[in-house]
């Protein structure tokens, strides 16, 4: 990430059995940061394309994110997902 201060567009926590996140809708984000467990999720971009990525740590994306879809198999993990814009 560059030295510019990022703008956080969304930050949500997945707590199994309490709050289980199935998607994050954040048009325009260009980085994803995961703390806690790594997850595999489908990232859908603003241009309509998508890809399945294993998200861990901070990832700078090549395209702008429209939404992130989290499969049920990943919702049993504890994590915080942050999506932002540089």
PDB file of N, CA and C in Angstrom:
ATOM      1  N   UNK A   1       0.844  -1.167   0.000  1.00  0.00           N
ATOM      2  CA  UNK A   1       0.000   0.000   0.000  1.00  0.00           C
ATOM      3  C   UNK A   1       0.892   1.234   0.000  1.00  0.00           C
ATOM      4  N   UNK A   2       0.409   2.304  -0.534  1.00  0.00           N
ATOM      5  CA  UNK A   2       1.209   3.516  -0.616  1.00  0.00           C
ATOM      6  C   UNK A   2       1.216   4.236   0.731  1.00  0.00           C
ATOM      7  N   UNK A   3       1.943   5.348   0.809  1.00  0.00           N
ATOM      8  CA  UNK A   3       2.041   6.090   2.055  1.00  0.00           C
ATOM      9  C   UNK A   3       0.809   6.943   2.320  1.00  0.00           C
ATOM     10  N   UNK A   4      -0.096   7.083   1.354  1.00  0.00           N
ATOM     11  CA  UNK A   4      -1.322   7.845   1.560  1.00  0.00           C
ATOM     12  C   UNK A   4      -2.203   7.137   2.587  1.00  0.00           C
ATOM     13  N   UNK A   5      -2.946   7.922   3.333  1.00  0.00           N
ATOM     14  CA  UNK A   5      -3.842   7.332   4.326  1.00  0.00           C
ATOM     15  C   UNK A   5      -5.034   6.688   3.630  1.00  0.00           C
ATOM     16  N   UNK A   6      -5.264   5.410   3.905  1.00  0.00           N
ATOM     17  CA  UNK A   6      -6.405   4.738   3.283  1.00  0.00           C
ATOM     18  C   UNK A   6      -7.721   5.202   3.902  1.00  0.00           C
ATOM     19  N   UNK A   7      -8.774   5.126   3.123  1.00  0.00           N
ATOM     20  CA  UNK A   7     -10.121   5.436   3.603  1.00  0.00           C
ATOM     21  C   UNK A   7     -10.840   4.107   3.799  1.00  0.00           C
ATOM     22  N   UNK A   8     -11.256   3.829   5.012  1.00  0.00           N
ATOM     23  CA  UNK A   8     -11.963   2.586   5.300  1.00  0.00           C
ATOM     24  C   UNK A   8     -13.418   2.748   4.887  1.00  0.00           C
ATOM     25  N   UNK A   9     -13.868   1.857   4.016  1.00  0.00           N
ATOM     26  CA  UNK A   9     -15.248   1.887   3.543  1.00  0.00           C
ATOM     27  C   UNK A   9     -16.142   0.962   4.359  1.00  0.00           C
ATOM     28  N   UNK A  10     -15.584  -0.141   4.844  1.00  0.00           N
ATOM     29  CA  UNK A  10     -16.350  -1.081   5.669  1.00  0.00           C
ATOM     30  C   UNK A  10     -15.400  -1.889   6.527  1.00  0.00           C
ATOM     31  N   UNK A  11     -15.858  -2.205   7.729  1.00  0.00           N
ATOM     32  CA  UNK A  11     -15.114  -3.115   8.610  1.00  0.00           C
ATOM     33  C   UNK A  11     -16.170  -3.918   9.363  1.00  0.00           C
ATOM     34  N   UNK A  12     -16.145  -5.222   9.171  1.00  0.00           N
ATOM     35  CA  UNK A  12     -17.116  -6.090   9.842  1.00  0.00           C
ATOM     36  C   UNK A  12     -16.395  -7.285  10.451  1.00  0.00           C
ATOM     37  N   UNK A  13     -16.952  -7.763  11.556  1.00  0.00           N
ATOM     38  CA  UNK A  13     -16.391  -8.914  12.247  1.00  0.00           C
ATOM     39  C   UNK A  13     -17.320 -10.106  12.077  1.00  0.00           C
ATOM     40  N   UNK A  14     -16.731 -11.255  11.836  1.00  0.00           N
ATOM     41  CA  UNK A  14     -17.476 -12.513  11.799  1.00  0.00           C
ATOM     42  C   UNK A  14     -17.186 -13.242  13.104  1.00  0.00           C
ATOM     43  N   UNK A  15     -18.241 -13.472  13.888  1.00  0.00           N
ATOM     44  CA  UNK A  15     -18.117 -14.183  15.154  1.00  0.00           C
ATOM     45  C   UNK A  15     -19.057 -15.382  15.069  1.00  0.00           C
ATOM     46  N   UNK A  16     -18.514 -16.567  14.834  1.00  0.00           N
ATOM     47  CA  UNK A  16     -19.356 -17.746  14.645  1.00  0.00           C
ATOM     48  C   UNK A  16     -20.380 -17.922  15.773  1.00  0.00           C
ATOM     49  N   UNK A  17     -21.621 -18.173  15.396  1.00  0.00           N
ATOM     50  CA  UNK A  17     -22.696 -18.374  16.360  1.00  0.00           C
ATOM     51  C   UNK A  17     -23.298 -17.095  16.905  1.00  0.00           C
ATOM     52  N   UNK A  18     -22.657 -15.951  16.617  1.00  0.00           N
ATOM     53  CA  UNK A  18     -23.170 -14.669  17.096  1.00  0.00           C
ATOM     54  C   UNK A  18     -23.516 -13.770  15.919  1.00  0.00           C
ATOM     55  N   UNK A  19     -22.508 -13.411  15.134  1.00  0.00           N
ATOM     56  CA  UNK A  19     -22.696 -12.600  13.928  1.00  0.00           C
ATOM     57  C   UNK A  19     -21.936 -13.299  12.815  1.00  0.00           C
ATOM     58  N   UNK A  20     -22.658 -13.817  11.832  1.00  0.00           N
ATOM     59  CA  UNK A  20     -22.017 -14.509  10.713  1.00  0.00           C
ATOM     60  C   UNK A  20     -22.238 -13.709   9.440  1.00  0.00           C
ATOM     61  N   UNK A  21     -21.135 -13.294   8.834  1.00  0.00           N
ATOM     62  CA  UNK A  21     -21.159 -12.421   7.663  1.00  0.00           C
ATOM     63  C   UNK A  21     -21.185 -13.272   6.398  1.00  0.00           C
ATOM     64  N   UNK A  22     -22.162 -13.017   5.521  1.00  0.00           N
ATOM     65  CA  UNK A  22     -22.214 -13.773   4.271  1.00  0.00           C
ATOM     66  C   UNK A  22     -21.776 -12.941   3.068  1.00  0.00           C
ATOM     67  N   UNK A  23     -21.709 -11.622   3.232  1.00  0.00           N
ATOM     68  CA  UNK A  23     -21.255 -10.753   2.142  1.00  0.00           C
ATOM     69  C   UNK A  23     -20.885  -9.388   2.686  1.00  0.00           C
ATOM     70  N   UNK A  24     -20.033  -8.704   1.934  1.00  0.00           N
ATOM     71  CA  UNK A  24     -19.684  -7.323   2.220  1.00  0.00           C
ATOM     72  C   UNK A  24     -19.876  -6.583   0.905  1.00  0.00           C
ATOM     73  N   UNK A  25     -20.756  -5.590   0.902  1.00  0.00           N
ATOM     74  CA  UNK A  25     -21.029  -4.813  -0.314  1.00  0.00           C
ATOM     75  C   UNK A  25     -20.391  -3.439  -0.132  1.00  0.00           C
ATOM     76  N   UNK A  26     -19.351  -3.189  -0.928  1.00  0.00           N
ATOM     77  CA  UNK A  26     -18.574  -1.962  -0.790  1.00  0.00           C
ATOM     78  C   UNK A  26     -18.105  -1.504  -2.162  1.00  0.00           C
ATOM     79  N   UNK A  27     -18.948  -0.828  -2.926  1.00  0.00           N
ATOM     80  CA  UNK A  27     -18.525  -0.383  -4.260  1.00  0.00           C
ATOM     81  C   UNK A  27     -17.332   0.563  -4.203  1.00  0.00           C
ATOM     82  N   UNK A  28     -16.274   0.205  -4.912  1.00  0.00           N
ATOM     83  CA  UNK A  28     -15.133   1.085  -5.073  1.00  0.00           C
ATOM     84  C   UNK A  28     -13.905   0.776  -4.247  1.00  0.00           C
ATOM     85  N   UNK A  29     -13.966  -0.202  -3.369  1.00  0.00           N
ATOM     86  CA  UNK A  29     -12.788  -0.534  -2.575  1.00  0.00           C
ATOM     87  C   UNK A  29     -11.677  -1.094  -3.442  1.00  0.00           C
ATOM     88  N   UNK A  30     -10.425  -0.816  -3.063  1.00  0.00           N
ATOM     89  CA  UNK A  30      -9.314  -1.363  -3.843  1.00  0.00           C
ATOM     90  C   UNK A  30      -8.313  -2.144  -2.993  1.00  0.00           C
ATOM     91  N   UNK A  31      -8.612  -2.294  -1.689  1.00  0.00           N
ATOM     92  CA  UNK A  31      -7.805  -3.205  -0.884  1.00  0.00           C
ATOM     93  C   UNK A  31      -8.709  -3.918   0.120  1.00  0.00           C
ATOM     94  N   UNK A  32      -8.255  -5.105   0.534  1.00  0.00           N
ATOM     95  CA  UNK A  32      -8.956  -5.904   1.534  1.00  0.00           C
ATOM     96  C   UNK A  32      -7.937  -6.287   2.591  1.00  0.00           C
ATOM     97  N   UNK A  33      -8.328  -6.137   3.846  1.00  0.00           N
ATOM     98  CA  UNK A  33      -7.457  -6.515   4.954  1.00  0.00           C
ATOM     99  C   UNK A  33      -8.230  -7.497   5.837  1.00  0.00           C
ATOM    100  N   UNK A  34      -7.619  -8.630   6.105  1.00  0.00           N
ATOM    101  CA  UNK A  34      -8.223  -9.648   6.959  1.00  0.00           C
ATOM    102  C   UNK A  34      -7.347  -9.814   8.196  1.00  0.00           C
ATOM    103  N   UNK A  35      -7.972  -9.758   9.364  1.00  0.00           N
ATOM    104  CA  UNK A  35      -7.267 -10.104  10.595  1.00  0.00           C
ATOM    105  C   UNK A  35      -7.989 -11.301  11.200  1.00  0.00           C
ATOM    106  N   UNK A  36      -7.249 -12.132  11.876  1.00  0.00           N
ATOM    107  CA  UNK A  36      -7.817 -13.379  12.389  1.00  0.00           C
ATOM    108  C   UNK A  36      -7.547 -14.472  11.369  1.00  0.00           C
ATOM    109  N   UNK A  37      -8.498 -15.346  11.161  1.00  0.00           N
ATOM    110  CA  UNK A  37      -8.348 -16.470  10.228  1.00  0.00           C
ATOM    111  C   UNK A  37      -8.362 -15.998   8.776  1.00  0.00           C
ATOM    112  N   UNK A  38      -7.566 -16.646   7.936  1.00  0.00           N
ATOM    113  CA  UNK A  38      -7.659 -16.385   6.494  1.00  0.00           C
ATOM    114  C   UNK A  38      -8.939 -17.039   5.983  1.00  0.00           C
ATOM    115  N   UNK A  39      -9.500 -16.464   4.914  1.00  0.00           N
ATOM    116  CA  UNK A  39     -10.727 -17.009   4.337  1.00  0.00           C
ATOM    117  C   UNK A  39     -10.598 -17.083   2.823  1.00  0.00           C
ATOM    118  N   UNK A  40     -11.373 -17.974   2.235  1.00  0.00           N
ATOM    119  CA  UNK A  40     -11.484 -18.048   0.779  1.00  0.00           C
ATOM    120  C   UNK A  40     -12.855 -17.502   0.425  1.00  0.00           C
ATOM    121  N   UNK A  41     -12.892 -16.492  -0.432  1.00  0.00           N
ATOM    122  CA  UNK A  41     -14.148 -15.819  -0.767  1.00  0.00           C
ATOM    123  C   UNK A  41     -14.160 -15.443  -2.242  1.00  0.00           C
ATOM    124  N   UNK A  42     -15.347 -15.177  -2.755  1.00  0.00           N
ATOM    125  CA  UNK A  42     -15.503 -14.707  -4.128  1.00  0.00           C
ATOM    126  C   UNK A  42     -15.529 -13.184  -4.112  1.00  0.00           C
ATOM    127  N   UNK A  43     -14.590 -12.583  -4.836  1.00  0.00           N
ATOM    128  CA  UNK A  43     -14.539 -11.129  -4.954  1.00  0.00           C
ATOM    129  C   UNK A  43     -15.153 -10.767  -6.301  1.00  0.00           C
ATOM    130  N   UNK A  44     -16.201  -9.945  -6.260  1.00  0.00           N
ATOM    131  CA  UNK A  44     -16.885  -9.489  -7.475  1.00  0.00           C
ATOM    132  C   UNK A  44     -16.476  -8.038  -7.695  1.00  0.00           C
ATOM    133  N   UNK A  45     -16.010  -7.752  -8.900  1.00  0.00           N
ATOM    134  CA  UNK A  45     -15.519  -6.414  -9.220  1.00  0.00           C
ATOM    135  C   UNK A  45     -16.603  -5.573  -9.888  1.00  0.00           C
ATOM    136  N   UNK A  46     -16.386  -4.261  -9.921  1.00  0.00           N
ATOM    137  CA  UNK A  46     -17.367  -3.342 -10.506  1.00  0.00           C
ATOM    138  C   UNK A  46     -17.634  -3.627 -11.976  1.00  0.00           C
ATOM    139  N   UNK A  47     -16.660  -4.212 -12.691  1.00  0.00           N
ATOM    140  CA  UNK A  47     -16.862  -4.507 -14.114  1.00  0.00           C
ATOM    141  C   UNK A  47     -17.649  -5.806 -14.334  1.00  0.00           C
ATOM    142  N   UNK A  48     -18.080  -6.459 -13.243  1.00  0.00           N
ATOM    143  CA  UNK A  48     -18.874  -7.681 -13.349  1.00  0.00           C
ATOM    144  C   UNK A  48     -18.062  -8.962 -13.293  1.00  0.00           C
ATOM    145  N   UNK A  49     -16.759  -8.874 -13.422  1.00  0.00           N
ATOM    146  CA  UNK A  49     -15.925 -10.073 -13.335  1.00  0.00           C
ATOM    147  C   UNK A  49     -15.774 -10.474 -11.866  1.00  0.00           C
ATOM    148  N   UNK A  50     -15.354 -11.707 -11.644  1.00  0.00           N
ATOM    149  CA  UNK A  50     -15.167 -12.172 -10.276  1.00  0.00           C
ATOM    150  C   UNK A  50     -14.040 -13.194 -10.242  1.00  0.00           C
ATOM    151  N   UNK A  51     -13.521 -13.416  -9.048  1.00  0.00           N
ATOM    152  CA  UNK A  51     -12.514 -14.450  -8.854  1.00  0.00           C
ATOM    153  C   UNK A  51     -12.572 -14.920  -7.413  1.00  0.00           C
ATOM    154  N   UNK A  52     -12.177 -16.164  -7.210  1.00  0.00           N
ATOM    155  CA  UNK A  52     -12.109 -16.734  -5.870  1.00  0.00           C
ATOM    156  C   UNK A  52     -10.690 -16.523  -5.356  1.00  0.00           C
ATOM    157  N   UNK A  53     -10.582 -15.877  -4.195  1.00  0.00           N
ATOM    158  CA  UNK A  53      -9.280 -15.557  -3.625  1.00  0.00           C
ATOM    159  C   UNK A  53      -9.201 -16.050  -2.187  1.00  0.00           C
ATOM    160  N   UNK A  54      -8.016 -16.446  -1.775  1.00  0.00           N
ATOM    161  CA  UNK A  54      -7.761 -16.692  -0.370  1.00  0.00           C
ATOM    162  C   UNK A  54      -7.271 -15.372   0.204  1.00  0.00           C
ATOM    163  N   UNK A  55      -8.022 -14.841   1.145  1.00  0.00           N
ATOM    164  CA  UNK A  55      -7.734 -13.527   1.712  1.00  0.00           C
ATOM    165  C   UNK A  55      -7.044 -13.702   3.061  1.00  0.00           C
ATOM    166  N   UNK A  56      -5.880 -13.086   3.186  1.00  0.00           N
ATOM    167  CA  UNK A  56      -5.094 -13.150   4.411  1.00  0.00           C
ATOM    168  C   UNK A  56      -4.212 -11.912   4.448  1.00  0.00           C
ATOM    169  N   UNK A  57      -4.172 -11.229   5.558  1.00  0.00           N
ATOM    170  CA  UNK A  57      -3.377 -10.012   5.647  1.00  0.00           C
ATOM    171  C   UNK A  57      -3.997  -8.909   4.812  1.00  0.00           C
ATOM    172  N   UNK A  58      -3.167  -8.069   4.216  1.00  0.00           N
ATOM    173  CA  UNK A  58      -3.647  -6.960   3.388  1.00  0.00           C
ATOM    174  C   UNK A  58      -3.365  -7.270   1.931  1.00  0.00           C
ATOM    175  N   UNK A  59      -4.384  -7.149   1.102  1.00  0.00           N
ATOM    176  CA  UNK A  59      -4.257  -7.444  -0.322  1.00  0.00           C
ATOM    177  C   UNK A  59      -4.675  -6.223  -1.126  1.00  0.00           C
ATOM    178  N   UNK A  60      -3.775  -5.731  -1.953  1.00  0.00           N
ATOM    179  CA  UNK A  60      -4.077  -4.648  -2.885  1.00  0.00           C
ATOM    180  C   UNK A  60      -4.676  -5.289  -4.137  1.00  0.00           C
ATOM    181  N   UNK A  61      -5.869  -4.876  -4.515  1.00  0.00           N
ATOM    182  CA  UNK A  61      -6.542  -5.474  -5.670  1.00  0.00           C
ATOM    183  C   UNK A  61      -6.300  -4.649  -6.923  1.00  0.00           C
ATOM    184  N   UNK A  62      -6.306  -5.312  -8.085  1.00  0.00           N
ATOM    185  CA  UNK A  62      -6.048  -4.641  -9.357  1.00  0.00           C
ATOM    186  C   UNK A  62      -7.270  -3.909  -9.891  1.00  0.00           C
ATOM    187  N   UNK A  63      -8.455  -4.333  -9.435  1.00  0.00           N
ATOM    188  CA  UNK A  63      -9.713  -3.723  -9.870  1.00  0.00           C
ATOM    189  C   UNK A  63     -10.490  -3.259  -8.650  1.00  0.00           C
ATOM    190  N   UNK A  64     -11.518  -2.450  -8.875  1.00  0.00           N
ATOM    191  CA  UNK A  64     -12.383  -1.965  -7.798  1.00  0.00           C
ATOM    192  C   UNK A  64     -13.418  -3.018  -7.428  1.00  0.00           C
ATOM    193  N   UNK A  65     -13.579  -3.218  -6.129  1.00  0.00           N
ATOM    194  CA  UNK A  65     -14.491  -4.231  -5.608  1.00  0.00           C
ATOM    195  C   UNK A  65     -15.931  -3.727  -5.600  1.00  0.00           C
ATOM    196  N   UNK A  66     -16.856  -4.595  -5.977  1.00  0.00           N
ATOM    197  CA  UNK A  66     -18.280  -4.312  -5.821  1.00  0.00           C
ATOM    198  C   UNK A  66     -18.785  -4.988  -4.552  1.00  0.00           C
ATOM    199  N   UNK A  67     -18.420  -6.263  -4.383  1.00  0.00           N
ATOM    200  CA  UNK A  67     -18.835  -7.009  -3.191  1.00  0.00           C
ATOM    201  C   UNK A  67     -17.935  -8.221  -2.992  1.00  0.00           C
ATOM    202  N   UNK A  68     -17.974  -8.730  -1.788  1.00  0.00           N
ATOM    203  CA  UNK A  68     -17.241  -9.941  -1.432  1.00  0.00           C
ATOM    204  C   UNK A  68     -18.258 -10.919  -0.866  1.00  0.00           C
ATOM    205  N   UNK A  69     -18.308 -12.106  -1.455  1.00  0.00           N
ATOM    206  CA  UNK A  69     -19.252 -13.143  -1.035  1.00  0.00           C
ATOM    207  C   UNK A  69     -18.505 -14.199  -0.239  1.00  0.00           C
ATOM    208  N   UNK A  70     -18.973 -14.464   0.961  1.00  0.00           N
ATOM    209  CA  UNK A  70     -18.293 -15.390   1.860  1.00  0.00           C
ATOM    210  C   UNK A  70     -19.118 -16.672   1.950  1.00  0.00           C
ATOM    211  N   UNK A  71     -18.567 -17.798   1.508  1.00  0.00           N
ATOM    212  CA  UNK A  71     -19.327 -19.055   1.530  1.00  0.00           C
ATOM    213  C   UNK A  71     -19.578 -19.547   2.958  1.00  0.00           C
ATOM    214  N   UNK A  72     -20.596 -20.367   3.109  1.00  0.00           N
ATOM    215  CA  UNK A  72     -20.974 -20.860   4.447  1.00  0.00           C
ATOM    216  C   UNK A  72     -19.835 -21.621   5.121  1.00  0.00           C
ATOM    217  N   UNK A  73     -18.991 -22.277   4.353  1.00  0.00           N
ATOM    218  CA  UNK A  73     -17.878 -23.039   4.938  1.00  0.00           C
ATOM    219  C   UNK A  73     -16.870 -22.135   5.656  1.00  0.00           C
ATOM    220  N   UNK A  74     -16.825 -20.856   5.316  1.00  0.00           N
ATOM    221  CA  UNK A  74     -15.878 -19.916   5.922  1.00  0.00           C
ATOM    222  C   UNK A  74     -16.474 -19.186   7.118  1.00  0.00           C
ATOM    223  N   UNK A  75     -17.783 -19.249   7.283  1.00  0.00           N
ATOM    224  CA  UNK A  75     -18.443 -18.490   8.351  1.00  0.00           C
ATOM    225  C   UNK A  75     -18.228 -19.089   9.730  1.00  0.00           C
ATOM    226  N   UNK A  76     -17.612 -20.263   9.797  1.00  0.00           N
ATOM    227  CA  UNK A  76     -17.308 -20.874  11.094  1.00  0.00           C
ATOM    228  C   UNK A  76     -15.983 -20.353  11.658  1.00  0.00           C
ATOM    229  N   UNK A  77     -15.314 -19.472  10.931  1.00  0.00           N
ATOM    230  CA  UNK A  77     -14.033 -18.899  11.359  1.00  0.00           C
ATOM    231  C   UNK A  77     -14.250 -17.510  11.949  1.00  0.00           C
ATOM    232  N   UNK A  78     -13.389 -17.135  12.868  1.00  0.00           N
ATOM    233  CA  UNK A  78     -13.420 -15.777  13.418  1.00  0.00           C
ATOM    234  C   UNK A  78     -12.469 -14.903  12.604  1.00  0.00           C
ATOM    235  N   UNK A  79     -12.979 -13.779  12.102  1.00  0.00           N
ATOM    236  CA  UNK A  79     -12.147 -12.852  11.349  1.00  0.00           C
ATOM    237  C   UNK A  79     -12.787 -11.477  11.318  1.00  0.00           C
ATOM    238  N   UNK A  80     -11.964 -10.499  11.007  1.00  0.00           N
ATOM    239  CA  UNK A  80     -12.436  -9.144  10.738  1.00  0.00           C
ATOM    240  C   UNK A  80     -12.009  -8.834   9.321  1.00  0.00           C
ATOM    241  N   UNK A  81     -12.952  -8.361   8.519  1.00  0.00           N
ATOM    242  CA  UNK A  81     -12.647  -7.990   7.136  1.00  0.00           C
ATOM    243  C   UNK A  81     -12.852  -6.486   6.990  1.00  0.00           C
ATOM    244  N   UNK A  82     -11.848  -5.853   6.417  1.00  0.00           N
ATOM    245  CA  UNK A  82     -11.878  -4.415   6.195  1.00  0.00           C
ATOM    246  C   UNK A  82     -11.684  -4.178   4.701  1.00  0.00           C
ATOM    247  N   UNK A  83     -12.508  -3.345   4.129  1.00  0.00           N
ATOM    248  CA  UNK A  83     -12.371  -2.980   2.719  1.00  0.00           C
ATOM    249  C   UNK A  83     -12.192  -1.469   2.673  1.00  0.00           C
ATOM    250  N   UNK A  84     -11.237  -1.032   1.896  1.00  0.00           N
ATOM    251  CA  UNK A  84     -10.965   0.399   1.837  1.00  0.00           C
ATOM    252  C   UNK A  84     -10.475   0.849   0.487  1.00  0.00           C
ATOM    253  N   UNK A  85     -10.196   2.128   0.449  1.00  0.00           N
ATOM    254  CA  UNK A  85      -9.786   2.784  -0.797  1.00  0.00           C
ATOM    255  C   UNK A  85      -8.558   3.628  -0.488  1.00  0.00           C
ATOM    256  N   UNK A  86      -7.580   3.523  -1.359  1.00  0.00           N
ATOM    257  CA  UNK A  86      -6.368   4.343  -1.177  1.00  0.00           C
ATOM    258  C   UNK A  86      -6.529   5.685  -1.830  1.00  0.00           C
TER     259      UNK A  86
END
